[in-house]
Amino acid sequence: MNALAIFLGMIGVPQVILIVVVLLLLFGGKKIPELMKGLGSGIKEFKNAAKEDQPADKKEDDKKE
């Protein structure tokens, strides 16, 4: 079997709860929303950079539609 499928098959509700508790203990309740906001803005910047990096032909086709 695929190693990723085996790993994902081992994660259940108790494991997710344990991970959440550990994250709360490590970072605290106030720090987690800041981390998620930073992660979201990083993903947004990555998507914008990927759009800007499109070839010129594709950009012109998008503008015509």
N, C-alpha and C. Protein backbone atom coordinates (compact mmCIF):
# COMPACT_ATOMS: atom_id res chain seq x y z
N MET A 1 0.83 -1.20 0.00
CA MET A 1 0.00 0.00 0.00
C MET A 1 0.87 1.25 0.00
N ASN A 2 0.24 2.31 -0.36
CA ASN A 2 0.92 3.60 -0.38
C ASN A 2 1.21 4.04 1.06
N ALA A 3 2.39 4.54 1.32
CA ALA A 3 2.78 4.95 2.67
C ALA A 3 1.90 6.10 3.17
N LEU A 4 1.52 7.00 2.28
CA LEU A 4 0.67 8.12 2.69
C LEU A 4 -0.72 7.63 3.10
N ALA A 5 -1.26 6.67 2.38
CA ALA A 5 -2.57 6.12 2.72
C ALA A 5 -2.52 5.42 4.08
N ILE A 6 -1.43 4.75 4.35
CA ILE A 6 -1.28 4.08 5.65
C ILE A 6 -1.21 5.13 6.76
N PHE A 7 -0.43 6.19 6.54
CA PHE A 7 -0.30 7.24 7.55
C PHE A 7 -1.64 7.93 7.80
N LEU A 8 -2.34 8.28 6.72
CA LEU A 8 -3.63 8.97 6.88
C LEU A 8 -4.67 8.06 7.50
N GLY A 9 -4.55 6.77 7.26
CA GLY A 9 -5.48 5.82 7.86
C GLY A 9 -5.31 5.72 9.36
N MET A 10 -4.13 6.06 9.86
CA MET A 10 -3.87 5.96 11.29
C MET A 10 -4.37 7.18 12.06
N ILE A 11 -4.69 8.27 11.37
CA ILE A 11 -5.14 9.48 12.04
C ILE A 11 -6.65 9.42 12.21
N GLY A 12 -7.09 9.48 13.46
CA GLY A 12 -8.50 9.46 13.76
C GLY A 12 -8.87 10.63 14.64
N VAL A 13 -10.07 10.61 15.17
CA VAL A 13 -10.54 11.70 16.02
C VAL A 13 -9.67 11.87 17.27
N PRO A 14 -9.32 10.80 17.97
CA PRO A 14 -8.47 10.99 19.16
C PRO A 14 -7.11 11.62 18.83
N GLN A 15 -6.54 11.25 17.70
CA GLN A 15 -5.25 11.81 17.31
C GLN A 15 -5.38 13.29 16.96
N VAL A 16 -6.46 13.67 16.30
CA VAL A 16 -6.67 15.07 15.96
C VAL A 16 -6.84 15.89 17.23
N ILE A 17 -7.60 15.37 18.19
CA ILE A 17 -7.79 16.06 19.47
C ILE A 17 -6.45 16.23 20.18
N LEU A 18 -5.64 15.20 20.17
CA LEU A 18 -4.33 15.27 20.81
C LEU A 18 -3.46 16.33 20.13
N ILE A 19 -3.48 16.40 18.80
CA ILE A 19 -2.69 17.39 18.08
C ILE A 19 -3.15 18.80 18.44
N VAL A 20 -4.47 19.02 18.50
CA VAL A 20 -5.00 20.34 18.85
C VAL A 20 -4.59 20.74 20.26
N VAL A 21 -4.64 19.80 21.20
CA VAL A 21 -4.25 20.09 22.58
C VAL A 21 -2.77 20.45 22.66
N VAL A 22 -1.94 19.72 21.94
CA VAL A 22 -0.50 20.01 21.95
C VAL A 22 -0.24 21.39 21.35
N LEU A 23 -0.93 21.72 20.25
CA LEU A 23 -0.76 23.05 19.65
C LEU A 23 -1.18 24.16 20.61
N LEU A 24 -2.29 23.94 21.32
CA LEU A 24 -2.73 24.94 22.29
C LEU A 24 -1.72 25.11 23.41
N LEU A 25 -1.13 24.01 23.86
CA LEU A 25 -0.13 24.09 24.92
C LEU A 25 1.14 24.79 24.45
N LEU A 26 1.54 24.53 23.22
CA LEU A 26 2.78 25.11 22.70
C LEU A 26 2.63 26.59 22.38
N PHE A 27 1.55 26.95 21.71
CA PHE A 27 1.43 28.31 21.20
C PHE A 27 0.46 29.18 21.99
N GLY A 28 -0.46 28.60 22.70
CA GLY A 28 -1.46 29.38 23.42
C GLY A 28 -2.61 29.78 22.52
N GLY A 29 -3.73 30.10 23.13
CA GLY A 29 -4.93 30.41 22.38
C GLY A 29 -4.85 31.69 21.58
N LYS A 30 -4.06 32.65 22.03
CA LYS A 30 -3.98 33.94 21.33
C LYS A 30 -3.06 33.88 20.12
N LYS A 31 -2.09 33.00 20.15
CA LYS A 31 -1.08 32.95 19.09
C LYS A 31 -1.58 32.19 17.86
N ILE A 32 -2.47 31.21 18.04
CA ILE A 32 -2.91 30.37 16.93
C ILE A 32 -3.63 31.18 15.85
N PRO A 33 -4.58 32.09 16.19
CA PRO A 33 -5.20 32.88 15.12
C PRO A 33 -4.19 33.72 14.33
N GLU A 34 -3.17 34.22 14.99
CA GLU A 34 -2.13 34.98 14.29
C GLU A 34 -1.37 34.09 13.33
N LEU A 35 -1.08 32.85 13.74
CA LEU A 35 -0.39 31.91 12.88
C LEU A 35 -1.23 31.56 11.66
N MET A 36 -2.53 31.34 11.87
CA MET A 36 -3.42 31.00 10.76
C MET A 36 -3.58 32.18 9.80
N LYS A 37 -3.61 33.40 10.34
CA LYS A 37 -3.71 34.60 9.49
C LYS A 37 -2.46 34.72 8.63
N GLY A 38 -1.30 34.48 9.22
CA GLY A 38 -0.05 34.53 8.46
C GLY A 38 0.01 33.45 7.40
N LEU A 39 -0.48 32.27 7.72
CA LEU A 39 -0.51 31.17 6.75
C LEU A 39 -1.45 31.52 5.60
N GLY A 40 -2.60 32.08 5.91
CA GLY A 40 -3.55 32.46 4.87
C GLY A 40 -3.01 33.54 3.95
N SER A 41 -2.36 34.54 4.53
CA SER A 41 -1.79 35.60 3.69
C SER A 41 -0.63 35.08 2.85
N GLY A 42 0.11 34.13 3.37
CA GLY A 42 1.20 33.52 2.59
C GLY A 42 0.66 32.75 1.40
N ILE A 43 -0.43 32.02 1.60
CA ILE A 43 -1.04 31.28 0.50
C ILE A 43 -1.59 32.24 -0.54
N LYS A 44 -2.19 33.34 -0.08
CA LYS A 44 -2.75 34.34 -0.99
C LYS A 44 -1.64 34.97 -1.84
N GLU A 45 -0.53 35.31 -1.21
CA GLU A 45 0.60 35.88 -1.95
C GLU A 45 1.16 34.89 -2.95
N PHE A 46 1.21 33.62 -2.58
CA PHE A 46 1.71 32.59 -3.49
C PHE A 46 0.80 32.46 -4.71
N LYS A 47 -0.51 32.49 -4.50
CA LYS A 47 -1.45 32.41 -5.63
C LYS A 47 -1.31 33.62 -6.54
N ASN A 48 -1.17 34.81 -5.96
CA ASN A 48 -1.00 36.02 -6.77
C ASN A 48 0.29 35.96 -7.58
N ALA A 49 1.35 35.46 -6.98
CA ALA A 49 2.62 35.35 -7.69
C ALA A 49 2.51 34.33 -8.82
N ALA A 50 1.77 33.25 -8.58
CA ALA A 50 1.59 32.24 -9.61
C ALA A 50 0.79 32.81 -10.78
N LYS A 51 -0.20 33.66 -10.50
CA LYS A 51 -0.99 34.29 -11.57
C LYS A 51 -0.12 35.24 -12.39
N GLU A 52 0.74 35.99 -11.73
CA GLU A 52 1.61 36.94 -12.43
C GLU A 52 2.66 36.24 -13.27
N ASP A 53 2.97 35.00 -12.92
CA ASP A 53 4.02 34.27 -13.60
C ASP A 53 3.52 33.53 -14.84
N GLN A 54 2.25 33.71 -15.21
CA GLN A 54 1.70 33.05 -16.38
C GLN A 54 2.36 33.59 -17.64
N PRO A 55 2.45 32.76 -18.67
CA PRO A 55 3.00 33.25 -19.95
C PRO A 55 2.11 34.34 -20.54
N ALA A 56 2.69 35.20 -21.38
CA ALA A 56 1.98 36.34 -21.95
C ALA A 56 0.81 35.88 -22.82
N ASP A 57 0.94 34.77 -23.54
CA ASP A 57 -0.13 34.28 -24.39
C ASP A 57 -1.37 33.93 -23.57
N LYS A 58 -1.18 33.32 -22.46
CA LYS A 58 -2.30 32.91 -21.61
C LYS A 58 -2.99 34.13 -21.01
N LYS A 59 -2.22 35.15 -20.62
CA LYS A 59 -2.80 36.37 -20.07
C LYS A 59 -3.69 37.06 -21.11
N GLU A 60 -3.24 37.11 -22.37
CA GLU A 60 -4.02 37.76 -23.41
C GLU A 60 -5.31 36.99 -23.66
N ASP A 61 -5.26 35.66 -23.62
CA ASP A 61 -6.46 34.85 -23.80
C ASP A 61 -7.45 35.10 -22.67
N ASP A 62 -6.97 35.26 -21.46
CA ASP A 62 -7.84 35.52 -20.32
C ASP A 62 -8.54 36.88 -20.46
N LYS A 63 -7.84 37.87 -21.00
CA LYS A 63 -8.41 39.20 -21.15
C LYS A 63 -9.50 39.23 -22.23
N LYS A 64 -9.36 38.41 -23.27
CA LYS A 64 -10.33 38.38 -24.36
C LYS A 64 -11.66 37.78 -23.91
N GLU A 65 -11.65 36.88 -22.97
CA GLU A 65 -12.87 36.21 -22.52
C GLU A 65 -13.68 37.06 -21.67
